[in-house]
Protein backbone atom coordinates (compact mmCIF):
# COMPACT_ATOMS: atom_id res chain seq x y z
CA UNK A 1 -9.21 22.35 3.59
CA UNK A 2 -6.22 20.10 2.45
CA UNK A 3 -5.13 22.87 0.52
CA UNK A 4 -5.56 25.78 3.18
CA UNK A 5 -3.27 23.96 5.41
CA UNK A 6 -0.75 23.10 2.44
CA UNK A 7 -0.81 26.94 1.86
CA UNK A 8 -0.51 27.99 5.26
CA UNK A 9 2.32 25.53 5.71
CA UNK A 10 4.60 26.48 2.27
CA UNK A 11 4.35 30.04 3.27
CA UNK A 12 4.97 30.06 6.86
CA UNK A 13 7.54 26.97 7.37
CA UNK A 14 8.61 26.90 3.59
CA UNK A 15 8.71 30.36 3.33
CA UNK A 16 7.55 30.39 -0.59
CA UNK A 17 6.07 33.55 -2.22
CA UNK A 18 2.33 33.71 -2.69
CA UNK A 19 3.36 32.73 -6.77
CA UNK A 20 5.52 30.12 -5.97
CA UNK A 21 2.82 28.67 -4.04
CA UNK A 22 0.27 29.31 -6.45
CA UNK A 23 2.66 27.27 -9.08
CA UNK A 24 3.22 24.19 -6.75
CA UNK A 25 -0.39 24.02 -5.87
CA UNK A 26 -2.28 24.76 -9.10
CA UNK A 27 -4.31 27.39 -8.02
CA UNK A 28 -4.43 31.17 -8.95
CA UNK A 29 -1.98 33.47 -7.52
CA UNK A 30 -5.40 35.56 -5.99
CA UNK A 31 -6.63 32.37 -4.50
CA UNK A 32 -3.21 31.82 -2.28
CA UNK A 33 -3.68 35.93 -1.88
CA UNK A 34 -7.08 35.36 -0.60
CA UNK A 35 -6.70 32.78 1.65
CA UNK A 36 -3.41 34.21 3.62
CA UNK A 37 -5.51 37.19 4.09
CA UNK A 38 -8.08 35.53 5.38
CA UNK A 39 -6.18 33.97 7.22
CA UNK A 40 -4.53 36.79 8.87
CA UNK A 41 -7.76 38.27 9.82
CA UNK A 42 -9.07 34.91 11.68
CA UNK A 43 -6.38 35.96 14.53
CA UNK A 44 -4.94 32.69 14.27
CA UNK A 45 -1.20 32.05 13.83
CA UNK A 46 1.09 29.35 12.65
CA UNK A 47 1.44 26.30 13.92
CA UNK A 48 -1.74 25.55 14.30
CA UNK A 49 -3.75 24.97 16.88
CA UNK A 50 -5.10 21.22 16.99
CA UNK A 51 -8.79 22.25 15.38
CA UNK A 52 -10.53 20.19 13.04
CA UNK A 53 -11.24 21.45 9.03
CA UNK A 54 -14.63 22.80 10.37
CA UNK A 55 -13.73 24.82 12.61
CA UNK A 56 -11.02 26.07 10.74
CA UNK A 57 -13.31 26.73 8.14
CA UNK A 58 -15.51 28.71 10.27
CA UNK A 59 -12.95 30.67 11.28
CA UNK A 60 -11.49 31.52 8.12
CA UNK A 61 -14.83 32.32 6.30
CA UNK A 62 -17.07 33.59 9.14
CA UNK A 63 -20.47 35.41 7.95
CA UNK A 64 -18.75 39.14 7.49
CA UNK A 65 -15.66 39.52 9.22
CA UNK A 66 -13.89 43.13 10.33
CA UNK A 67 -11.89 44.19 7.38
CA UNK A 68 -13.50 41.30 5.13
CA UNK A 69 -15.61 43.12 2.48
CA UNK A 70 -18.18 41.12 0.56
CA UNK A 71 -18.24 41.10 -2.77
CA UNK A 72 -21.20 41.17 -5.19
CA UNK A 73 -22.00 38.31 -6.46
CA UNK A 74 -23.07 37.81 -10.10
CA UNK A 75 -26.85 37.03 -11.41
CA UNK A 76 -26.72 33.03 -12.08
CA UNK A 77 -29.58 33.11 -14.41
CA UNK A 78 -28.61 35.67 -16.64
CA UNK A 79 -24.83 34.35 -17.20
CA UNK A 80 -26.95 30.75 -17.93
CA UNK A 81 -29.00 32.82 -20.63
CA UNK A 82 -25.81 34.59 -22.18
CA UNK A 83 -23.64 31.31 -22.01
CA UNK A 84 -26.77 29.73 -24.85
CA UNK A 85 -25.30 33.28 -27.27
CA UNK A 86 -23.03 32.42 -29.89
CA UNK A 87 -19.39 33.51 -28.81
CA UNK A 88 -20.12 33.99 -25.31
CA UNK A 89 -17.72 32.44 -22.89
CA UNK A 90 -17.91 32.65 -19.41
CA UNK A 91 -14.03 34.62 -19.66
CA UNK A 92 -16.07 37.34 -21.35
CA UNK A 93 -18.97 37.42 -18.73
CA UNK A 94 -16.94 37.67 -15.77
CA UNK A 95 -14.71 40.53 -17.54
CA UNK A 96 -17.87 42.26 -17.93
CA UNK A 97 -18.96 41.78 -14.53
CA UNK A 98 -15.50 42.63 -13.20
CA UNK A 99 -16.60 46.45 -15.14
CA UNK A 100 -19.17 46.66 -13.52
CA UNK A 101 -17.84 45.64 -10.07
CA UNK A 102 -14.31 45.85 -9.91
CA UNK A 103 -13.78 44.62 -6.19
CA UNK A 104 -16.18 41.41 -7.38
CA UNK A 105 -15.24 37.58 -7.80
CA UNK A 106 -12.40 36.59 -9.61
CA UNK A 107 -12.23 34.27 -12.45
CA UNK A 108 -11.74 31.13 -10.58
CA UNK A 109 -14.40 31.72 -8.00
CA UNK A 110 -16.47 33.39 -10.53
CA UNK A 111 -16.53 30.12 -12.36
CA UNK A 112 -16.62 28.21 -9.62
CA UNK A 113 -19.94 29.72 -8.56
CA UNK A 114 -21.49 29.65 -11.44
CA UNK A 115 -20.63 25.90 -12.02
CA UNK A 116 -22.34 25.04 -8.29
CA UNK A 117 -25.13 26.97 -9.19
CA UNK A 118 -25.49 25.20 -12.61
CA UNK A 119 -25.66 21.45 -10.40
CA UNK A 120 -28.84 22.50 -8.76
CA UNK A 121 -30.74 23.02 -11.81
CA UNK A 122 -32.15 19.68 -13.73
CA UNK A 123 -30.13 17.14 -15.55
CA UNK A 124 -31.43 18.46 -19.42
CA UNK A 125 -31.35 22.09 -18.33
CA UNK A 126 -27.70 21.44 -17.64
CA UNK A 127 -26.78 20.56 -21.18
CA UNK A 128 -25.22 23.59 -23.06
CA UNK A 129 -26.92 24.47 -25.67
CA UNK A 130 -26.19 27.34 -28.27
CA UNK A 131 -29.04 29.81 -29.16
CA UNK A 132 -30.05 28.81 -32.77
CA UNK A 133 -27.95 25.83 -33.40
CA UNK A 134 -30.29 23.11 -33.31
CA UNK A 135 -34.23 21.80 -33.65
CA UNK A 136 -34.62 18.71 -32.02
CA UNK A 137 -37.48 16.74 -33.84
CA UNK A 138 -39.67 13.61 -33.32
CA UNK A 139 -43.50 12.06 -33.21
CA UNK A 140 -45.09 11.86 -30.27
CA UNK A 141 -45.57 7.89 -28.43
CA UNK A 142 -49.37 9.41 -28.12
CA UNK A 143 -51.79 10.30 -30.46
CA UNK A 144 -55.40 11.89 -30.56
CA UNK A 145 -58.48 10.32 -31.88
CA UNK A 146 -60.17 11.69 -35.00
CA UNK A 147 -63.51 10.96 -35.50
CA UNK A 148 -65.56 10.15 -38.44
CA UNK A 149 -68.74 12.01 -38.21
CA UNK A 150 -70.62 10.01 -41.00
CA UNK A 151 -68.92 6.36 -40.80
CA UNK A 152 -68.29 6.51 -36.81
CA UNK A 153 -64.85 5.21 -37.97
CA UNK A 154 -62.27 6.66 -35.36
CA UNK A 155 -58.50 7.03 -36.55
CA UNK A 156 -55.72 8.01 -34.72
CA UNK A 157 -53.65 11.10 -35.63
CA UNK A 158 -49.95 11.13 -34.78
CA UNK A 159 -48.31 14.28 -33.56
CA UNK A 160 -45.00 16.00 -34.14
CA UNK A 161 -43.09 17.33 -32.05
CA UNK A 162 -40.16 20.18 -32.51
CA UNK A 163 -37.99 22.00 -29.97
CA UNK A 164 -35.20 24.68 -29.85
CA UNK A 165 -33.27 23.51 -27.22
CA UNK A 166 -31.48 26.85 -26.31
CA UNK A 167 -35.06 28.47 -24.72
CA UNK A 168 -36.94 25.13 -24.95
CA UNK A 169 -39.24 26.57 -27.35
CA UNK A 170 -42.08 24.42 -28.72
CA UNK A 171 -44.25 23.31 -31.42
CA UNK A 172 -46.35 20.55 -31.77
CA UNK A 173 -48.98 19.74 -34.54
CA UNK A 174 -50.91 16.88 -35.43
CA UNK A 175 -50.85 14.89 -39.09
CA UNK A 176 -52.66 12.19 -40.79
CA UNK A 177 -49.73 9.57 -40.70
CA UNK A 178 -46.02 9.46 -40.33
CA UNK A 179 -45.27 8.80 -43.67
CA UNK A 180 -42.60 10.47 -45.68
CA UNK A 181 -45.06 13.56 -47.03
CA UNK A 182 -46.08 14.38 -43.37
CA UNK A 183 -42.45 14.27 -42.30
CA UNK A 184 -41.52 16.81 -44.36
CA UNK A 185 -44.54 18.93 -44.56
CA UNK A 186 -44.17 18.89 -40.60
CA UNK A 187 -40.67 19.91 -40.48
CA UNK A 188 -41.68 22.99 -42.94
CA UNK A 189 -44.56 23.98 -40.58
CA UNK A 190 -42.05 23.93 -37.22
CA UNK A 191 -39.74 26.01 -39.76
CA UNK A 192 -42.40 28.64 -40.45
CA UNK A 193 -43.15 28.44 -36.71
CA UNK A 194 -40.33 29.41 -35.43
CA UNK A 195 -39.82 32.07 -37.76
CA UNK A 196 -35.82 30.87 -39.36
CA UNK A 197 -34.14 27.94 -40.03
CA UNK A 198 -30.85 26.37 -37.51
CA UNK A 199 -27.94 25.55 -38.23
CA UNK A 200 -28.84 21.65 -37.35
CA UNK A 201 -31.66 19.09 -37.43
CA UNK A 202 -31.58 16.39 -34.88
CA UNK A 203 -34.27 13.86 -35.44
CA UNK A 204 -34.19 10.31 -34.73
CA UNK A 205 -33.65 7.35 -37.10
CA UNK A 206 -38.03 7.29 -38.46
CA UNK A 207 -37.97 5.07 -41.32
CA UNK A 208 -39.66 8.17 -43.09
CA UNK A 209 -36.32 10.11 -43.16
CA UNK A 210 -33.88 7.70 -42.55
CA UNK A 211 -33.15 5.15 -44.77
CA UNK A 212 -30.79 3.30 -43.15
CA UNK A 213 -29.75 3.65 -39.01
CA UNK A 214 -25.98 3.57 -38.71
CA UNK A 215 -24.02 5.19 -35.87
CA UNK A 216 -21.44 6.75 -37.90
CA UNK A 217 -22.99 7.55 -41.58
CA UNK A 218 -26.72 7.31 -41.60
CA UNK A 219 -28.18 7.39 -44.97
CA UNK A 220 -31.02 10.16 -45.55
CA UNK A 221 -34.16 9.58 -47.57
CA UNK A 222 -33.32 12.23 -50.76
CA UNK A 223 -36.51 13.87 -50.31
CA UNK A 224 -35.33 14.91 -46.55
CA UNK A 225 -31.98 15.66 -47.66
CA UNK A 226 -33.20 17.91 -50.21
CA UNK A 227 -35.59 19.52 -47.87
CA UNK A 228 -32.44 20.22 -45.58
CA UNK A 229 -30.50 21.56 -48.46
CA UNK A 230 -33.38 24.01 -49.66
CA UNK A 231 -33.51 25.56 -45.98
CA UNK A 232 -29.66 25.70 -45.80
CA UNK A 233 -29.97 23.11 -42.80
CA UNK A 234 -27.80 20.11 -41.98
CA UNK A 235 -29.77 16.79 -40.60
CA UNK A 236 -28.10 15.15 -38.02
CA UNK A 237 -29.95 12.00 -36.61
CA UNK A 238 -29.60 11.19 -33.53
CA UNK A 239 -27.62 7.80 -32.68
CA UNK A 240 -29.35 4.63 -32.54
CA UNK A 241 -30.39 3.75 -28.97
CA UNK A 242 -29.09 7.32 -27.81
CA UNK A 243 -31.80 9.26 -26.37
CA UNK A 244 -29.36 11.78 -24.77
CA UNK A 245 -28.38 13.00 -28.05
CA UNK A 246 -32.16 14.74 -28.40
CA UNK A 247 -33.08 14.60 -24.98
CA UNK A 248 -34.53 18.25 -25.00
CA UNK A 249 -37.12 16.90 -27.96
CA UNK A 250 -37.48 13.79 -25.33
CA UNK A 251 -38.70 16.15 -22.81
CA UNK A 252 -40.50 18.12 -24.99
CA UNK A 253 -42.31 15.43 -25.82
CA UNK A 254 -42.97 13.99 -22.28
CA UNK A 255 -44.37 17.63 -21.66
CA UNK A 256 -46.85 17.69 -24.74
CA UNK A 257 -48.08 14.51 -23.63
CA UNK A 258 -48.78 15.57 -19.97
CA UNK A 259 -49.97 19.19 -20.49
CA UNK A 260 -51.58 19.12 -24.06
CA UNK A 261 -52.57 15.64 -25.09
CA UNK A 262 -53.72 14.71 -21.71
CA UNK A 263 -55.44 18.03 -21.37
CA UNK A 264 -57.15 17.29 -24.31
CA UNK A 265 -58.25 13.98 -23.20
CA UNK A 266 -62.15 14.21 -23.17
CA UNK A 267 -62.45 16.31 -26.11
CA UNK A 268 -64.00 15.15 -29.11
CA UNK A 269 -62.43 16.19 -32.61
CA UNK A 270 -64.42 15.01 -36.18
CA UNK A 271 -61.27 16.82 -38.13
CA UNK A 272 -57.51 17.25 -38.03
CA UNK A 273 -58.28 20.80 -38.28
CA UNK A 274 -60.50 21.18 -35.07
CA UNK A 275 -57.59 19.34 -33.36
CA UNK A 276 -54.81 21.47 -34.70
CA UNK A 277 -56.58 24.32 -33.55
CA UNK A 278 -57.10 22.77 -29.62
CA UNK A 279 -53.09 21.99 -29.78
CA UNK A 280 -51.92 25.19 -31.27
CA UNK A 281 -54.04 27.12 -28.37
CA UNK A 282 -52.50 24.71 -25.58
CA UNK A 283 -49.28 24.92 -27.71
CA UNK A 284 -49.52 28.86 -27.13
CA UNK A 285 -50.48 28.38 -23.03
CA UNK A 286 -47.17 26.09 -22.53
CA UNK A 287 -44.72 28.47 -24.27
CA UNK A 288 -46.36 31.33 -22.17
CA UNK A 289 -46.17 29.43 -18.67
CA UNK A 290 -42.92 30.44 -16.08
CA UNK A 291 -40.08 28.62 -15.25
CA UNK A 292 -39.93 27.06 -12.14
CA UNK A 293 -36.21 27.38 -11.66
CA UNK A 294 -35.18 29.71 -14.34
CA UNK A 295 -36.72 33.44 -14.99
CA UNK A 296 -38.92 34.07 -17.69
CA UNK A 297 -40.74 31.55 -20.07
CA UNK A 298 -39.69 29.58 -23.62
CA UNK A 299 -41.14 32.77 -25.47
CA UNK A 300 -39.42 35.04 -23.63
CA UNK A 301 -36.20 32.93 -24.27
CA UNK A 302 -37.19 32.53 -27.91
CA UNK A 303 -37.61 36.30 -28.11
CA UNK A 304 -33.84 37.07 -26.61
CA UNK A 305 -31.91 33.79 -27.48
CA UNK A 306 -33.45 31.88 -30.86
CA UNK A 307 -34.86 34.43 -32.65
CA UNK A 308 -32.34 36.30 -33.58
CA UNK A 309 -29.43 33.73 -34.29
CA UNK A 310 -31.85 31.80 -36.23
CA UNK A 311 -31.14 32.38 -40.09
CA UNK A 312 -33.86 33.78 -42.22
CA UNK A 313 -35.75 31.76 -43.93
CA UNK A 314 -36.47 31.16 -47.85
CA UNK A 315 -38.51 33.19 -50.06
CA UNK A 316 -40.54 30.10 -50.77
CA UNK A 317 -42.02 27.41 -48.61
CA UNK A 318 -40.21 24.21 -49.78
CA UNK A 319 -42.36 22.05 -52.14
CA UNK A 320 -42.65 18.19 -50.89
CA UNK A 321 -40.77 16.04 -54.22
CA UNK A 322 -40.72 12.18 -54.05
CA UNK A 323 -37.61 10.44 -55.67
CA UNK A 324 -37.95 7.10 -57.48
CA UNK A 325 -35.27 5.20 -59.81
CA UNK A 326 -36.56 3.60 -63.16
CA UNK A 327 -34.83 2.01 -65.99
CA UNK A 328 -35.04 4.00 -69.75
CA UNK A 329 -37.47 2.02 -71.94
CA UNK A 330 -36.35 1.54 -75.62
CA UNK A 331 -38.84 3.96 -76.63
CA UNK A 332 -36.85 6.17 -74.70
CA UNK A 333 -39.20 6.56 -71.87
CA UNK A 334 -39.54 6.17 -68.86
CA UNK A 335 -42.79 4.84 -66.56
CA UNK A 336 -44.81 6.60 -63.91
CA UNK A 337 -47.67 5.69 -62.25
CA UNK A 338 -48.61 3.94 -65.54
CA UNK A 339 -47.95 7.32 -67.69
CA UNK A 340 -44.80 7.47 -69.69
CA UNK A 341 -42.20 10.71 -70.09
CA UNK A 342 -39.83 11.18 -72.60
CA UNK A 343 -36.17 11.36 -72.05
CA UNK A 344 -33.15 12.02 -74.83
CA UNK A 345 -32.76 8.92 -77.08
CA UNK A 346 -29.44 8.15 -76.39
CA UNK A 347 -30.11 7.37 -73.17
CA UNK A 348 -31.82 3.85 -73.45
CA UNK A 349 -31.01 1.25 -70.96
CA UNK A 350 -29.87 3.63 -68.24
CA UNK A 351 -31.04 4.21 -64.84
CA UNK A 352 -32.03 7.38 -64.04
CA UNK A 353 -33.85 9.31 -60.80
CA UNK A 354 -37.04 10.79 -61.01
CA UNK A 355 -38.52 13.49 -58.76
CA UNK A 356 -41.79 13.60 -58.49
CA UNK A 357 -43.74 17.12 -57.45
CA UNK A 358 -47.83 17.66 -57.40
CA UNK A 359 -46.76 19.62 -60.88
CA UNK A 360 -43.81 18.49 -62.64
CA UNK A 361 -41.47 15.39 -63.67
CA UNK A 362 -37.83 15.81 -63.33
CA UNK A 363 -35.80 13.23 -64.28
CA UNK A 364 -31.94 13.13 -63.90
CA UNK A 365 -29.16 11.48 -65.06
CA UNK A 366 -25.97 11.23 -63.00
CA UNK A 367 -27.46 14.64 -61.14
CA UNK A 368 -28.11 16.24 -64.18
CA UNK A 369 -31.33 17.02 -64.99
CA UNK A 370 -31.81 15.74 -68.63
CA UNK A 371 -35.85 16.03 -68.81
CA UNK A 372 -38.61 18.19 -67.01
CA UNK A 373 -42.56 17.26 -67.46
CA UNK A 374 -45.67 18.56 -66.57
CA UNK A 375 -47.15 15.91 -64.61
CA UNK A 376 -49.93 13.77 -66.45
CA UNK A 377 -53.27 12.79 -65.04
CA UNK A 378 -55.28 9.67 -65.50
CA UNK A 379 -53.46 6.43 -67.03
CA UNK A 380 -51.70 5.66 -70.11
CA UNK A 381 -50.83 8.76 -71.29
CA UNK A 382 -47.69 9.65 -73.23
CA UNK A 383 -45.59 12.79 -72.89
CA UNK A 384 -42.97 13.76 -75.21
CA UNK A 385 -40.54 16.20 -76.46
CA UNK A 386 -39.56 16.07 -80.10
CA UNK A 387 -36.06 17.26 -78.93
CA UNK A 388 -35.59 13.67 -77.19
CA UNK A 389 -36.51 12.10 -80.21
CA UNK A 390 -34.04 10.34 -83.22
CA UNK A 391 -34.11 12.54 -86.22
CA UNK A 392 -36.12 10.02 -88.10
CA UNK A 393 -38.78 9.95 -85.83
CA UNK A 394 -38.53 13.39 -85.31
CA UNK A 395 -39.49 13.64 -88.89
CA UNK A 396 -42.26 11.28 -88.80
CA UNK A 397 -43.58 13.75 -85.73
CA UNK A 398 -43.51 17.03 -87.24
CA UNK A 399 -45.61 15.74 -90.30
CA UNK A 400 -49.56 15.99 -90.18
CA UNK A 401 -52.11 15.24 -92.57
CA UNK A 402 -52.80 19.18 -93.23
CA UNK A 403 -48.78 19.50 -93.70
CA UNK A 404 -48.84 16.88 -96.16
CA UNK A 405 -51.41 17.99 -98.37
CA UNK A 406 -50.05 21.49 -98.46
CA UNK A 407 -46.45 20.18 -99.70
CA UNK A 408 -48.55 18.19 -102.42
CA UNK A 409 -50.08 21.09 -103.62
CA UNK A 410 -46.90 22.70 -104.01
CA UNK A 411 -45.74 20.20 -106.09
CA UNK A 412 -48.30 19.71 -108.75
CA UNK A 413 -52.32 18.49 -109.17
CA UNK A 414 -51.31 15.06 -109.53
CA UNK A 415 -48.81 14.62 -106.57
CA UNK A 416 -51.72 16.37 -104.65
CA UNK A 417 -54.15 13.78 -105.94
CA UNK A 418 -51.64 10.91 -104.96
CA UNK A 419 -51.07 11.92 -101.63
CA UNK A 420 -55.19 12.74 -100.74
CA UNK A 421 -56.05 9.52 -101.93
CA UNK A 422 -53.03 7.10 -99.92
CA UNK A 423 -54.58 9.14 -96.59
CA UNK A 424 -58.15 8.10 -97.27
CA UNK A 425 -57.60 4.86 -98.50
CA UNK A 426 -56.09 4.00 -95.14
CA UNK A 427 -58.28 3.32 -91.90
CA UNK A 428 -56.43 6.00 -89.97
CA UNK A 429 -54.73 8.69 -91.54
CA UNK A 430 -51.65 8.41 -89.53
CA UNK A 431 -51.42 4.58 -91.29
CA UNK A 432 -50.30 6.52 -94.77
CA UNK A 433 -47.60 8.55 -93.13
CA UNK A 434 -44.73 6.11 -93.90
CA UNK A 435 -45.79 6.24 -97.27
CA UNK A 436 -46.32 9.73 -97.87
CA UNK A 437 -42.98 10.41 -96.11
CA UNK A 438 -41.42 8.06 -98.84
CA UNK A 439 -42.88 10.23 -101.65
CA UNK A 440 -41.25 13.06 -99.97
CA UNK A 441 -38.01 11.45 -99.99
CA UNK A 442 -38.33 10.59 -103.77
CA UNK A 443 -38.85 14.41 -104.22
CA UNK A 444 -35.69 14.89 -102.77
CA UNK A 445 -34.02 12.47 -104.97
CA UNK A 446 -35.36 12.87 -107.90
CA UNK A 447 -36.92 16.28 -108.01
CA UNK A 448 -40.33 17.73 -108.19
CA UNK A 449 -40.84 18.05 -111.47
CA UNK A 450 -40.15 13.90 -111.92
CA UNK A 451 -41.85 13.31 -108.95
CA UNK A 452 -45.17 15.18 -110.73
CA UNK A 453 -44.81 13.23 -113.86
CA UNK A 454 -44.48 10.36 -112.22
CA UNK A 455 -47.89 10.68 -109.67
CA UNK A 456 -49.78 11.48 -113.18
CA UNK A 457 -49.08 8.09 -114.27
CA UNK A 458 -49.27 6.36 -111.35
CA UNK A 459 -52.94 8.28 -110.99
CA UNK A 460 -53.71 7.34 -114.85
CA UNK A 461 -52.85 3.57 -113.96
CA UNK A 462 -54.58 4.23 -110.66
CA UNK A 463 -52.11 2.55 -108.40
CA UNK A 464 -51.69 4.93 -105.44
CA UNK A 465 -48.76 3.67 -103.61
CA UNK A 466 -45.03 4.64 -102.84
CA UNK A 467 -44.20 1.60 -104.50
CA UNK A 468 -45.41 2.77 -107.86
CA UNK A 469 -44.46 5.98 -107.78
CA UNK A 470 -40.47 4.42 -106.89
CA UNK A 471 -41.23 2.19 -109.68
CA UNK A 472 -41.90 4.65 -112.53
CA UNK A 473 -38.72 6.95 -111.40
CA UNK A 474 -36.46 3.92 -111.50
CA UNK A 475 -37.51 3.11 -115.10
CA UNK A 476 -37.98 6.55 -116.11
CA UNK A 477 -41.38 6.08 -117.21
CA UNK A 478 -42.08 9.32 -115.75
CA UNK A 479 -40.27 10.57 -119.23
CA UNK A 480 -42.41 8.35 -121.56
CA UNK A 481 -45.88 10.00 -122.90
CA UNK A 482 -48.72 8.64 -121.12
CA UNK A 483 -50.99 6.22 -122.75
CA UNK A 484 -53.60 8.01 -124.62
CA UNK A 485 -57.59 7.05 -124.56
CA UNK A 486 -58.67 3.46 -126.33
CA UNK A 487 -59.96 4.26 -130.15
CA UNK A 488 -63.81 4.09 -130.83
CA UNK A 489 -63.47 1.62 -133.91
CA UNK A 490 -66.46 -0.52 -135.22
CA UNK A 491 -66.77 -4.48 -134.39
CA UNK A 492 -65.10 -6.22 -137.20
CA UNK A 493 -67.51 -9.08 -139.01
CA UNK A 494 -66.80 -12.47 -138.14
CA UNK A 495 -68.90 -15.22 -137.84
CA UNK A 496 -68.30 -16.07 -134.72
CA UNK A 497 -69.36 -12.39 -133.23
CA UNK A 498 -73.23 -12.61 -132.84
CA UNK A 499 -73.70 -9.06 -132.46
CA UNK A 500 -76.65 -7.28 -131.27
CA UNK A 501 -79.20 -8.09 -134.07
CA UNK A 502 -78.56 -11.57 -132.37
CA UNK A 503 -79.95 -10.90 -129.18
CA UNK A 504 -82.43 -8.86 -129.87
CA UNK A 505 -84.13 -11.23 -132.47
CA UNK A 506 -84.35 -13.71 -129.69
CA UNK A 507 -81.49 -16.30 -131.59
CA UNK A 508 -81.22 -17.83 -134.97
């Protein structure tokens, strides 16, 4: 009323125009014109008689005074829903309203009427949320008891809750625990339930997803961050001790506890599957229940607001991966669950990141993948790729007993006899690999012909070893003729030699 009296004073005492009055009072030109028109229709004159503000308002705003046309009011519920759409503003909605109602409210009155209508809603509903922008998630405080038929033990299954703030469309499901694997799986299930991906995921600061809670720069678990990157969403945790940052899911958790968990309190569940089936049916009823102060249901708002705004899901579901750190051992292997996986040998002593899935072990060094192995089962297994080994180790690894025999036979029969004897004399053939590899090196140094001759001399002397063949070649003994068989000459007669007759006769 103070501005009304000031408008009348500036008009009738000062003599300002309507535009000058609007600039002076920082109000719209249309508001000034409307107020002056109402004053002329009220039958009042300036100066005003001695009336209070209530009487003045009654004169200026009667039910429907003669000459004052009742302007059509906009659908405030429709405006509230449309504002949740991306890019929709009050000015755009007012322009559309004026297209249908040229004699309707002016922009300032339009905005004022909407703000008055919105102030009558719940506090949570007054928060502006753009469609498809967020998915708020959290674990409920209450749990579902699961009974074991065989042992009679009862364990508590936590409830994961996710909500799309624009429509309040809600997802709830029970999981075995609140660990990282369940946390990631719950997000994947929620995104598939919603049928799309929002721009932002707003969690609390659980230990499963946030390694270090911070008001300004929280540290996310690498697996959680990788999951978000797979779906193309950003994770922005709520500030510590700031529940208003995720008020929608806080309210959704309260609704789930009251309307789902409390309703199932007298049910006995013997498996997680049975519990989730009952929860799924209760969630469907919740999403189909009409609002008290808005038109429609959670599902209807989801179909019109959130669903068209969500981005499509990727072709494949995210596969859970666990991240660890390890240091490469001297044998260029890293240990994972008592199994050993090779990496390129120049990285010995470096610290690497290990990404573990159910079927793969990926090893990354400074963000670059350097090795990938199928995950071994059991304990004590070694998974080695030949290209990760040094050249010397690689040559040793490439040889097998059968391959050594074939090579020796290609050189000659004596070399084959030498190699076979070396392999057979050892308790395990691989123990003779080193000697055989040394003989192969001698063939490269001296040639196959000289090696065959040296092997013949070693076999004749029954010295089956790498060192014997090496000595023969080093002293050029392979080029000397082999010693012939011993001569069968008669035993010389000598008084000191008794001969067979002595022993046959029993003595002298």
